[in-house]
Amino acid sequence: MNSSLKHIVLQLEDLTQQDVSIGLGLDLLEASAKTRKDVIMINVMRDSLNEILIEERQCQAM
């Protein structure tokens, strides 16, 4: 795994263990990102999360 991505995942994991929601955690990580590459990775993670949540809602509606 890319070291930047691994670092972002570990930071997000730490935040969620402190009862910070994944969405807010991604917002915090994006605000403190040091490179465009990190911002892109964080936003890909956010998009993936949103897709999962949409699919989950669609399954629950059935």
C-alpha atoms as a PDB file:
ATOM      1  CA  MET A   1       0.000   0.000   0.000  1.00  0.00           C
ATOM      2  CA  ASN A   2       1.237   3.476  -0.844  1.00  0.00           C
ATOM      3  CA  SER A   3       2.817   5.053   2.263  1.00  0.00           C
ATOM      4  CA  SER A   4       0.683   8.186   1.891  1.00  0.00           C
ATOM      5  CA  LEU A   5      -2.488   6.140   1.676  1.00  0.00           C
ATOM      6  CA  LYS A   6      -1.405   3.983   4.605  1.00  0.00           C
ATOM      7  CA  HIS A   7      -0.810   7.126   6.680  1.00  0.00           C
ATOM      8  CA  ILE A   8      -4.244   8.525   5.780  1.00  0.00           C
ATOM      9  CA  VAL A   9      -5.931   5.235   6.668  1.00  0.00           C
ATOM     10  CA  LEU A  10      -4.138   5.093  10.027  1.00  0.00           C
ATOM     11  CA  GLN A  11      -5.116   8.696  10.797  1.00  0.00           C
ATOM     12  CA  LEU A  12      -8.744   7.978   9.885  1.00  0.00           C
ATOM     13  CA  GLU A  13      -8.675   4.856  12.031  1.00  0.00           C
ATOM     14  CA  ASP A  14      -7.357   6.893  14.983  1.00  0.00           C
ATOM     15  CA  LEU A  15     -10.087   9.493  14.530  1.00  0.00           C
ATOM     16  CA  THR A  16     -12.875   6.923  14.365  1.00  0.00           C
ATOM     17  CA  GLN A  17     -11.553   5.287  17.538  1.00  0.00           C
ATOM     18  CA  GLN A  18     -12.025   8.696  19.166  1.00  0.00           C
ATOM     19  CA  ASP A  19     -15.717   8.606  18.132  1.00  0.00           C
ATOM     20  CA  VAL A  20     -15.231  10.959  15.173  1.00  0.00           C
ATOM     21  CA  SER A  21     -17.504   9.942  12.292  1.00  0.00           C
ATOM     22  CA  ILE A  22     -15.858   8.773   9.088  1.00  0.00           C
ATOM     23  CA  GLY A  23     -17.311  11.740   7.188  1.00  0.00           C
ATOM     24  CA  LEU A  24     -15.984  14.276   9.687  1.00  0.00           C
ATOM     25  CA  GLY A  25     -12.680  12.406   9.838  1.00  0.00           C
ATOM     26  CA  LEU A  26     -12.322  12.700   6.070  1.00  0.00           C
ATOM     27  CA  ASP A  27     -13.141  16.418   6.311  1.00  0.00           C
ATOM     28  CA  LEU A  28     -10.461  16.905   8.961  1.00  0.00           C
ATOM     29  CA  LEU A  29      -7.899  14.946   6.979  1.00  0.00           C
ATOM     30  CA  GLU A  30      -8.679  16.902   3.821  1.00  0.00           C
ATOM     31  CA  ALA A  31      -8.288  20.205   5.671  1.00  0.00           C
ATOM     32  CA  SER A  32      -4.861  19.158   6.927  1.00  0.00           C
ATOM     33  CA  ALA A  33      -3.642  17.447   3.734  1.00  0.00           C
ATOM     34  CA  LYS A  34      -0.239  18.608   2.607  1.00  0.00           C
ATOM     35  CA  THR A  35      -0.338  17.505  -1.032  1.00  0.00           C
ATOM     36  CA  ARG A  36      -2.852  17.385  -3.852  1.00  0.00           C
ATOM     37  CA  LYS A  37      -2.265  13.652  -4.056  1.00  0.00           C
ATOM     38  CA  ASP A  38      -3.468  13.288  -0.451  1.00  0.00           C
ATOM     39  CA  VAL A  39      -6.534  15.431  -1.160  1.00  0.00           C
ATOM     40  CA  ILE A  40      -7.349  13.252  -4.168  1.00  0.00           C
ATOM     41  CA  MET A  41      -6.971  10.037  -2.156  1.00  0.00           C
ATOM     42  CA  ILE A  42      -9.160  11.400   0.638  1.00  0.00           C
ATOM     43  CA  ASN A  43     -11.839  12.439  -1.846  1.00  0.00           C
ATOM     44  CA  VAL A  44     -11.739   9.015  -3.528  1.00  0.00           C
ATOM     45  CA  MET A  45     -12.281   7.501  -0.080  1.00  0.00           C
ATOM     46  CA  ARG A  46     -15.190   9.901   0.512  1.00  0.00           C
ATOM     47  CA  ASP A  47     -16.754   9.039  -2.869  1.00  0.00           C
ATOM     48  CA  SER A  48     -16.419   5.318  -2.129  1.00  0.00           C
ATOM     49  CA  LEU A  49     -18.037   5.775   1.276  1.00  0.00           C
ATOM     50  CA  ASN A  50     -20.918   7.698  -0.280  1.00  0.00           C
ATOM     51  CA  GLU A  51     -21.448   4.972  -2.893  1.00  0.00           C
ATOM     52  CA  ILE A  52     -21.554   2.314  -0.181  1.00  0.00           C
ATOM     53  CA  LEU A  53     -24.052   4.347   1.853  1.00  0.00           C
ATOM     54  CA  ILE A  54     -26.287   4.855  -1.196  1.00  0.00           C
ATOM     55  CA  GLU A  55     -26.229   1.127  -1.998  1.00  0.00           C
ATOM     56  CA  GLU A  56     -26.984   0.315   1.647  1.00  0.00           C
ATOM     57  CA  ARG A  57     -30.003   2.649   1.660  1.00  0.00           C
ATOM     58  CA  GLN A  58     -31.276   1.122  -1.578  1.00  0.00           C
ATOM     59  CA  CYS A  59     -31.001  -2.378  -0.107  1.00  0.00           C
ATOM     60  CA  GLN A  60     -32.837  -1.332   3.048  1.00  0.00           C
ATOM     61  CA  ALA A  61     -35.621   0.208   0.971  1.00  0.00           C
ATOM     62  CA  MET A  62     -36.344  -3.082  -0.761  1.00  0.00           C
END
